[in-house]
Protein backbone atom coordinates (compact mmCIF):
# COMPACT_ATOMS: atom_id res chain seq x y z
CA MET A 1 -124.02 5.84 -73.15
CA PRO A 2 -123.57 9.44 -72.03
CA LYS A 3 -120.66 11.45 -73.29
CA SER A 4 -117.96 12.41 -70.76
CA LYS A 5 -117.52 16.04 -69.88
CA VAL A 6 -114.70 17.90 -71.55
CA ARG A 7 -112.40 19.56 -69.07
CA LYS A 8 -111.31 23.11 -69.54
CA LYS A 9 -107.73 23.60 -70.58
CA PRO A 10 -105.55 25.25 -67.94
CA GLU A 11 -104.73 28.86 -68.52
CA THR A 12 -101.37 29.64 -70.03
CA ALA A 13 -98.60 30.24 -67.57
CA SER A 14 -97.91 33.80 -66.63
CA PRO A 15 -94.57 35.34 -67.64
CA ARG A 16 -93.58 35.39 -63.98
CA ALA A 17 -94.05 31.62 -63.68
CA VAL A 18 -92.06 31.04 -66.86
CA SER A 19 -89.13 33.11 -65.59
CA THR A 20 -88.99 31.26 -62.26
CA ALA A 21 -89.04 27.92 -64.08
CA ALA A 22 -86.13 29.06 -66.22
CA ALA A 23 -84.25 30.20 -63.12
CA LYS A 24 -84.70 26.76 -61.52
CA ALA A 25 -83.16 24.99 -64.49
CA VAL A 26 -79.78 23.68 -63.40
CA ALA A 27 -76.81 24.10 -65.68
CA PRO A 28 -74.30 21.27 -66.09
CA SER A 29 -71.25 21.26 -63.84
CA PRO A 30 -68.07 22.90 -65.08
CA THR A 31 -65.24 20.77 -66.47
CA TRP A 32 -63.09 21.06 -63.35
CA TYR A 33 -65.84 19.76 -61.05
CA PRO A 34 -65.37 15.99 -61.49
CA ILE A 35 -61.61 16.47 -61.31
CA ALA A 36 -61.87 18.27 -57.95
CA MET A 37 -64.31 15.63 -56.72
CA THR A 38 -61.90 12.82 -57.63
CA VAL A 39 -59.00 14.66 -56.01
CA LEU A 40 -60.98 14.91 -52.75
CA PHE A 41 -61.77 11.19 -52.83
CA VAL A 42 -58.15 10.24 -53.43
CA LEU A 43 -56.83 12.77 -50.89
CA GLY A 44 -59.17 11.50 -48.17
CA LEU A 45 -58.25 7.90 -48.87
CA ALA A 46 -54.53 8.71 -48.97
CA TYR A 47 -54.81 10.57 -45.66
CA LEU A 48 -56.44 7.58 -43.95
CA VAL A 49 -53.92 5.12 -45.40
CA THR A 50 -51.06 7.37 -44.32
CA TYR A 51 -52.53 7.55 -40.83
CA TYR A 52 -52.73 3.78 -40.60
CA LEU A 53 -49.23 3.17 -41.93
CA ALA A 54 -47.11 6.05 -40.64
CA SER A 55 -48.94 7.93 -37.89
CA ASP A 56 -46.15 7.21 -35.37
CA HIS A 57 -43.60 8.96 -37.58
CA ILE A 58 -45.61 12.09 -38.44
CA ALA A 59 -45.79 14.59 -35.57
CA PHE A 60 -49.08 16.32 -36.33
CA MET A 61 -50.87 13.01 -36.92
CA ARG A 62 -49.56 11.69 -33.63
CA SER A 63 -50.83 14.78 -31.81
CA LEU A 64 -54.29 14.55 -33.43
CA GLY A 65 -54.79 10.96 -32.35
CA ALA A 66 -58.22 9.58 -33.29
CA TRP A 67 -59.24 12.94 -34.81
CA ASN A 68 -57.34 11.81 -37.89
CA PHE A 69 -60.40 9.72 -38.74
CA ALA A 70 -62.53 12.87 -38.67
CA VAL A 71 -60.09 14.64 -40.99
CA GLY A 72 -59.90 11.75 -43.47
CA PHE A 73 -63.61 11.02 -43.50
CA GLY A 74 -64.38 14.75 -43.64
CA ILE A 75 -62.40 15.02 -46.86
CA LEU A 76 -64.17 11.94 -48.22
CA VAL A 77 -67.58 13.38 -47.29
CA ALA A 78 -66.70 16.63 -49.08
CA GLY A 79 -66.02 14.56 -52.20
CA LEU A 80 -69.30 12.70 -51.70
CA VAL A 81 -71.24 15.97 -51.41
CA MET A 82 -69.65 17.10 -54.65
CA ALA A 83 -70.60 13.78 -56.28
CA VAL A 84 -74.23 14.22 -55.26
CA ARG A 85 -74.38 17.74 -56.72
CA TRP A 86 -72.59 16.80 -59.96
CA ARG A 87 -74.71 17.37 -63.10
């Protein structure tokens, strides 16, 4: 049976390629990051619950009308974006 050909080893990476790989390495998130993320989740949820329960008694919520959903879900989405980027 014939012997298989030996492939050449790839050349060593250039210093430029090594430095870009080191730059792409992502550091872990700071300590305050999960705290801020949790605060955004709770704040968004609290805003929506407050809108459902007391929107008739709060003037700015009454004037916003259905845009309160955009505010509440916007805060929740900001927390979700932070959760996706958390390392």
